[in-house]
Structures are given as structure tokens and as C-alpha cells.
């Protein structure tokens, strides 16, 4: 994500938007993330930027569902997405030795 959740759908189908994020929008986002986790979805968050508040938010969301946070350099975002996708199926991930030659891996980082 490049930021915190700033919108959600209201019951009547209207889009609600607010920045900074409204507590209800964050709550809906957390609920949907947890629902996805219960269905077995593997979640990878791509952190773009160095904002400490954003990093805390993304880290807390990832911890809720056992997700992964990747902090690639902007130039490596495409490689990070492909590497994460393929890694989830083959036991490798972006930056792991299995993808170094094929997808870059080295300028960005896996965030713990």
C-alpha cells in the first residue's frame, strides 16, 4: 500500500472518503483483512515510502494475519510483486537466493 485506508463503501453503496482515515474505515479494513485470513488468503503488504506511521500501520496489519511486509525500492516494485507471488507457490520470495538473478532482489528488503 502507499498509504492507510481512506475509503470504504457505505451500506447504500456510496463511497465514503476521508483523510486522515476515519476510525470506521480502518475498522472495516481490519475486518476484511481478518475475513480474508480466515479464508486462507496469504497476504503480502508492499510498503512504499519510509513514513514511520505507515510502517507501524502496515506491520500491525501483517501481524494480524501472519502476513509478510516487503519494502522494495521503487525501481524494484515489479520484481518484488512477481517474486512474492512466485515465492508463495515455490517456497521462495523476493530477495531470496532463488530469485536473485531472475528478479533482482537485493536493493529492497523484507521487513520484519
N, C-alpha and C. Protein backbone atom coordinates (compact mmCIF):
# COMPACT_ATOMS: atom_id res chain seq x y z
N UNK A 1 0.84 -1.19 0.00
CA UNK A 1 0.00 0.00 0.00
C UNK A 1 0.88 1.24 0.00
N UNK A 2 0.36 2.29 -0.52
CA UNK A 2 1.10 3.55 -0.46
C UNK A 2 0.52 4.45 0.62
N UNK A 3 -0.36 3.91 1.42
CA UNK A 3 -0.95 4.71 2.49
C UNK A 3 -1.95 3.92 3.30
N UNK A 4 -2.55 4.60 4.22
CA UNK A 4 -3.56 3.99 5.08
C UNK A 4 -4.89 3.94 4.34
N UNK A 5 -5.83 3.11 4.83
CA UNK A 5 -7.13 3.04 4.15
C UNK A 5 -7.89 4.36 4.33
N UNK A 6 -8.36 4.92 3.25
CA UNK A 6 -9.03 6.22 3.30
C UNK A 6 -10.47 6.17 2.81
N UNK A 7 -10.94 5.01 2.36
CA UNK A 7 -12.32 4.95 1.87
C UNK A 7 -12.92 3.58 2.13
N UNK A 8 -14.24 3.56 2.16
CA UNK A 8 -14.99 2.32 2.26
C UNK A 8 -16.36 2.53 1.64
N UNK A 9 -17.08 1.44 1.39
CA UNK A 9 -18.43 1.52 0.87
C UNK A 9 -19.42 1.56 2.01
N UNK A 10 -20.35 2.47 1.94
CA UNK A 10 -21.45 2.55 2.90
C UNK A 10 -22.49 1.50 2.52
N UNK A 11 -23.43 1.22 3.44
CA UNK A 11 -24.47 0.22 3.19
C UNK A 11 -25.30 0.55 1.95
N UNK A 12 -25.45 1.84 1.64
CA UNK A 12 -26.25 2.24 0.48
C UNK A 12 -25.45 2.23 -0.82
N UNK A 13 -24.18 1.78 -0.77
CA UNK A 13 -23.35 1.70 -1.96
C UNK A 13 -22.52 2.94 -2.24
N UNK A 14 -22.72 3.98 -1.47
CA UNK A 14 -21.94 5.20 -1.64
C UNK A 14 -20.52 5.01 -1.11
N UNK A 15 -19.56 5.68 -1.73
CA UNK A 15 -18.18 5.63 -1.27
C UNK A 15 -17.97 6.74 -0.24
N UNK A 16 -17.42 6.36 0.91
CA UNK A 16 -17.07 7.33 1.94
C UNK A 16 -15.56 7.51 1.88
N UNK A 17 -15.09 8.74 1.77
CA UNK A 17 -13.66 9.04 1.70
C UNK A 17 -13.31 10.07 2.76
N UNK A 18 -12.19 9.85 3.44
CA UNK A 18 -11.72 10.82 4.42
C UNK A 18 -10.22 10.64 4.64
N UNK A 19 -9.52 11.75 4.72
CA UNK A 19 -8.11 11.73 5.12
C UNK A 19 -7.91 12.80 6.17
N UNK A 20 -7.32 12.47 7.29
CA UNK A 20 -6.79 11.15 7.65
C UNK A 20 -7.91 10.12 7.77
N UNK A 21 -7.54 8.84 7.76
CA UNK A 21 -8.55 7.78 7.77
C UNK A 21 -9.49 7.89 8.96
N UNK A 22 -10.75 7.66 8.69
CA UNK A 22 -11.76 7.62 9.75
C UNK A 22 -11.65 6.29 10.49
N UNK A 23 -11.91 6.28 11.79
CA UNK A 23 -11.84 5.03 12.55
C UNK A 23 -12.70 3.91 11.95
N UNK A 24 -13.88 4.26 11.42
CA UNK A 24 -14.74 3.25 10.83
C UNK A 24 -14.10 2.63 9.58
N UNK A 25 -13.43 3.43 8.79
CA UNK A 25 -12.74 2.92 7.60
C UNK A 25 -11.63 1.94 7.99
N UNK A 26 -10.87 2.29 9.01
CA UNK A 26 -9.81 1.40 9.50
C UNK A 26 -10.43 0.10 10.03
N UNK A 27 -11.53 0.22 10.78
CA UNK A 27 -12.19 -0.97 11.33
C UNK A 27 -12.69 -1.89 10.21
N UNK A 28 -13.29 -1.31 9.17
CA UNK A 28 -13.74 -2.12 8.03
C UNK A 28 -12.56 -2.81 7.34
N UNK A 29 -11.47 -2.10 7.21
CA UNK A 29 -10.28 -2.68 6.57
C UNK A 29 -9.74 -3.85 7.37
N UNK A 30 -9.66 -3.68 8.69
CA UNK A 30 -9.19 -4.75 9.57
C UNK A 30 -10.13 -5.95 9.48
N UNK A 31 -11.44 -5.68 9.50
CA UNK A 31 -12.42 -6.78 9.42
C UNK A 31 -12.24 -7.57 8.12
N UNK A 32 -12.10 -6.88 7.00
CA UNK A 32 -11.95 -7.57 5.72
C UNK A 32 -10.63 -8.33 5.63
N UNK A 33 -9.58 -7.76 6.20
CA UNK A 33 -8.30 -8.46 6.23
C UNK A 33 -8.42 -9.75 7.04
N UNK A 34 -9.05 -9.68 8.20
CA UNK A 34 -9.22 -10.87 9.03
C UNK A 34 -10.12 -11.90 8.34
N UNK A 35 -11.17 -11.44 7.65
CA UNK A 35 -12.03 -12.37 6.89
C UNK A 35 -11.22 -13.08 5.81
N UNK A 36 -10.37 -12.36 5.12
CA UNK A 36 -9.52 -12.96 4.08
C UNK A 36 -8.58 -13.99 4.69
N UNK A 37 -8.02 -13.66 5.85
CA UNK A 37 -7.13 -14.59 6.54
C UNK A 37 -7.84 -15.87 6.94
N UNK A 38 -9.07 -15.74 7.43
CA UNK A 38 -9.84 -16.93 7.81
C UNK A 38 -10.14 -17.82 6.60
N UNK A 39 -10.22 -17.21 5.43
CA UNK A 39 -10.46 -17.98 4.21
C UNK A 39 -9.19 -18.60 3.65
N UNK A 40 -8.06 -18.33 4.31
CA UNK A 40 -6.80 -18.93 3.90
C UNK A 40 -5.94 -18.08 2.97
N UNK A 41 -6.32 -16.83 2.77
CA UNK A 41 -5.53 -15.97 1.88
C UNK A 41 -4.18 -15.66 2.51
N UNK A 42 -3.14 -15.69 1.70
CA UNK A 42 -1.81 -15.25 2.12
C UNK A 42 -1.69 -13.78 1.74
N UNK A 43 -1.31 -12.94 2.70
CA UNK A 43 -1.27 -11.51 2.45
C UNK A 43 0.15 -10.98 2.48
N UNK A 44 0.51 -10.25 1.44
CA UNK A 44 1.79 -9.56 1.38
C UNK A 44 1.52 -8.08 1.22
N UNK A 45 2.12 -7.28 2.09
CA UNK A 45 1.99 -5.83 2.03
C UNK A 45 3.27 -5.27 1.43
N UNK A 46 3.14 -4.42 0.45
CA UNK A 46 4.29 -3.77 -0.17
C UNK A 46 4.34 -2.34 0.36
N UNK A 47 5.31 -2.09 1.23
CA UNK A 47 5.42 -0.77 1.86
C UNK A 47 6.21 0.15 0.94
N UNK A 48 5.57 1.20 0.50
CA UNK A 48 6.19 2.19 -0.38
C UNK A 48 6.42 3.45 0.42
N UNK A 49 7.65 3.81 0.64
CA UNK A 49 7.95 5.00 1.41
C UNK A 49 8.51 4.65 2.77
N UNK A 50 8.96 5.68 3.46
CA UNK A 50 9.66 5.49 4.73
C UNK A 50 8.91 6.07 5.93
N UNK A 51 7.66 6.48 5.75
CA UNK A 51 6.92 7.10 6.83
C UNK A 51 6.77 6.13 8.01
N UNK A 52 7.25 6.51 9.21
CA UNK A 52 7.18 5.61 10.36
C UNK A 52 5.74 5.22 10.74
N UNK A 53 4.81 6.16 10.62
CA UNK A 53 3.42 5.85 10.94
C UNK A 53 2.84 4.81 9.99
N UNK A 54 3.15 4.95 8.72
CA UNK A 54 2.70 3.97 7.73
C UNK A 54 3.33 2.61 8.00
N UNK A 55 4.61 2.61 8.33
CA UNK A 55 5.30 1.35 8.63
C UNK A 55 4.64 0.64 9.82
N UNK A 56 4.31 1.39 10.87
CA UNK A 56 3.65 0.79 12.04
C UNK A 56 2.29 0.20 11.65
N UNK A 57 1.54 0.96 10.86
CA UNK A 57 0.21 0.50 10.44
C UNK A 57 0.32 -0.79 9.63
N UNK A 58 1.19 -0.80 8.64
CA UNK A 58 1.35 -1.98 7.79
C UNK A 58 1.85 -3.17 8.60
N UNK A 59 2.81 -2.94 9.48
CA UNK A 59 3.33 -4.02 10.31
C UNK A 59 2.22 -4.61 11.19
N UNK A 60 1.38 -3.75 11.76
CA UNK A 60 0.30 -4.25 12.63
C UNK A 60 -0.73 -5.03 11.82
N UNK A 61 -1.02 -4.58 10.61
CA UNK A 61 -1.97 -5.32 9.76
C UNK A 61 -1.39 -6.70 9.39
N UNK A 62 -0.11 -6.73 9.04
CA UNK A 62 0.51 -8.00 8.67
C UNK A 62 0.52 -8.97 9.85
N UNK A 63 0.80 -8.48 11.04
CA UNK A 63 0.84 -9.36 12.22
C UNK A 63 -0.53 -9.97 12.51
N UNK A 64 -1.60 -9.26 12.21
CA UNK A 64 -2.96 -9.76 12.48
C UNK A 64 -3.23 -11.06 11.73
N UNK A 65 -2.64 -11.21 10.56
CA UNK A 65 -2.95 -12.38 9.72
C UNK A 65 -1.73 -13.20 9.35
N UNK A 66 -0.62 -12.97 10.03
CA UNK A 66 0.60 -13.70 9.68
C UNK A 66 1.09 -13.36 8.29
N UNK A 67 0.86 -12.11 7.89
CA UNK A 67 1.26 -11.67 6.56
C UNK A 67 2.72 -11.27 6.51
N UNK A 68 3.15 -10.89 5.34
CA UNK A 68 4.53 -10.50 5.08
C UNK A 68 4.56 -9.05 4.63
N UNK A 69 5.59 -8.33 5.06
CA UNK A 69 5.80 -6.95 4.61
C UNK A 69 7.06 -6.92 3.76
N UNK A 70 6.96 -6.33 2.58
CA UNK A 70 8.09 -6.15 1.69
C UNK A 70 8.27 -4.66 1.48
N UNK A 71 9.51 -4.20 1.59
CA UNK A 71 9.82 -2.77 1.41
C UNK A 71 10.80 -2.63 0.25
N UNK A 72 10.31 -2.74 -0.98
CA UNK A 72 11.22 -2.67 -2.13
C UNK A 72 11.59 -1.23 -2.47
N UNK A 73 12.69 -1.08 -3.17
CA UNK A 73 13.00 0.20 -3.79
C UNK A 73 11.95 0.39 -4.89
N UNK A 74 11.61 1.63 -5.20
CA UNK A 74 10.58 1.89 -6.20
C UNK A 74 10.90 1.20 -7.53
N UNK A 75 12.15 1.22 -7.93
CA UNK A 75 12.54 0.59 -9.19
C UNK A 75 12.39 -0.93 -9.16
N UNK A 76 12.31 -1.51 -7.98
CA UNK A 76 12.22 -2.96 -7.83
C UNK A 76 10.81 -3.44 -7.49
N UNK A 77 9.82 -2.55 -7.52
CA UNK A 77 8.47 -2.93 -7.11
C UNK A 77 7.92 -4.08 -7.96
N UNK A 78 8.06 -3.99 -9.26
CA UNK A 78 7.55 -5.06 -10.13
C UNK A 78 8.19 -6.40 -9.81
N UNK A 79 9.49 -6.41 -9.63
CA UNK A 79 10.20 -7.64 -9.28
C UNK A 79 9.75 -8.16 -7.92
N UNK A 80 9.49 -7.25 -6.99
CA UNK A 80 9.05 -7.67 -5.66
C UNK A 80 7.68 -8.33 -5.72
N UNK A 81 6.77 -7.77 -6.52
CA UNK A 81 5.43 -8.34 -6.64
C UNK A 81 5.50 -9.73 -7.28
N UNK A 82 6.21 -9.85 -8.38
CA UNK A 82 6.33 -11.15 -9.05
C UNK A 82 7.05 -12.15 -8.16
N UNK A 83 8.14 -11.73 -7.53
CA UNK A 83 8.89 -12.62 -6.65
C UNK A 83 8.07 -13.09 -5.47
N UNK A 84 7.26 -12.21 -4.90
CA UNK A 84 6.41 -12.59 -3.78
C UNK A 84 5.35 -13.59 -4.22
N UNK A 85 4.75 -13.34 -5.36
CA UNK A 85 3.72 -14.24 -5.89
C UNK A 85 4.30 -15.62 -6.17
N UNK A 86 5.39 -15.66 -6.91
CA UNK A 86 6.00 -16.94 -7.23
C UNK A 86 6.55 -17.62 -5.98
N UNK A 87 7.10 -16.84 -5.08
CA UNK A 87 7.66 -17.40 -3.85
C UNK A 87 6.62 -18.06 -2.98
N UNK A 88 5.40 -17.53 -2.99
CA UNK A 88 4.34 -18.13 -2.18
C UNK A 88 3.95 -19.50 -2.72
N UNK A 89 4.27 -19.76 -3.97
CA UNK A 89 3.94 -21.04 -4.58
C UNK A 89 5.10 -22.00 -4.63
N UNK A 90 6.34 -21.48 -4.53
CA UNK A 90 7.51 -22.34 -4.69
C UNK A 90 8.44 -22.32 -3.49
N UNK A 91 8.08 -21.63 -2.43
CA UNK A 91 8.94 -21.61 -1.26
C UNK A 91 10.02 -20.56 -1.29
N UNK A 92 9.98 -19.67 -2.27
CA UNK A 92 10.95 -18.58 -2.35
C UNK A 92 10.19 -17.27 -2.26
N UNK A 93 10.90 -16.20 -2.07
CA UNK A 93 10.27 -14.89 -2.08
C UNK A 93 11.21 -13.86 -2.64
N UNK A 94 10.72 -12.67 -2.81
CA UNK A 94 11.54 -11.58 -3.33
C UNK A 94 12.77 -11.41 -2.46
N UNK A 95 13.91 -11.36 -3.05
CA UNK A 95 15.15 -11.18 -2.30
C UNK A 95 15.79 -12.48 -1.85
N UNK A 96 15.07 -13.61 -2.01
CA UNK A 96 15.68 -14.88 -1.62
C UNK A 96 16.63 -15.32 -2.72
N UNK A 97 17.52 -16.23 -2.38
CA UNK A 97 18.54 -16.63 -3.34
C UNK A 97 17.94 -17.27 -4.58
N UNK A 98 16.77 -17.84 -4.49
CA UNK A 98 16.16 -18.47 -5.64
C UNK A 98 15.75 -17.50 -6.73
N UNK A 99 15.64 -16.22 -6.42
CA UNK A 99 15.19 -15.26 -7.41
C UNK A 99 16.19 -14.15 -7.65
N UNK A 100 17.36 -14.18 -7.05
CA UNK A 100 18.30 -13.07 -7.18
C UNK A 100 18.63 -12.76 -8.62
N UNK A 101 18.97 -13.76 -9.40
CA UNK A 101 19.35 -13.50 -10.77
C UNK A 101 18.17 -13.14 -11.66
N UNK A 102 17.01 -13.69 -11.36
CA UNK A 102 15.88 -13.51 -12.24
C UNK A 102 15.10 -12.24 -11.96
N UNK A 103 14.96 -11.85 -10.71
CA UNK A 103 14.11 -10.73 -10.36
C UNK A 103 14.82 -9.62 -9.60
N UNK A 104 16.09 -9.59 -9.56
CA UNK A 104 16.77 -8.53 -8.82
C UNK A 104 17.01 -8.97 -7.41
N UNK A 105 16.25 -8.48 -6.48
CA UNK A 105 16.34 -8.88 -5.09
C UNK A 105 17.61 -8.43 -4.44
N UNK A 106 17.67 -7.46 -3.71
CA UNK A 106 18.90 -7.03 -3.08
C UNK A 106 18.83 -5.57 -2.74
N UNK A 107 18.19 -4.78 -3.59
CA UNK A 107 18.09 -3.36 -3.30
C UNK A 107 16.95 -3.08 -2.34
N UNK A 108 15.87 -3.84 -2.43
CA UNK A 108 14.76 -3.69 -1.50
C UNK A 108 15.01 -4.59 -0.31
N UNK A 109 14.03 -4.71 0.55
CA UNK A 109 14.24 -5.57 1.72
C UNK A 109 12.94 -6.16 2.19
N UNK A 110 13.06 -7.32 2.81
CA UNK A 110 11.94 -7.88 3.56
C UNK A 110 11.94 -7.17 4.89
N UNK A 111 10.81 -6.71 5.33
CA UNK A 111 10.72 -6.02 6.61
C UNK A 111 10.21 -7.00 7.65
N UNK A 112 10.77 -6.95 8.82
CA UNK A 112 10.33 -7.85 9.90
C UNK A 112 9.36 -7.15 10.81
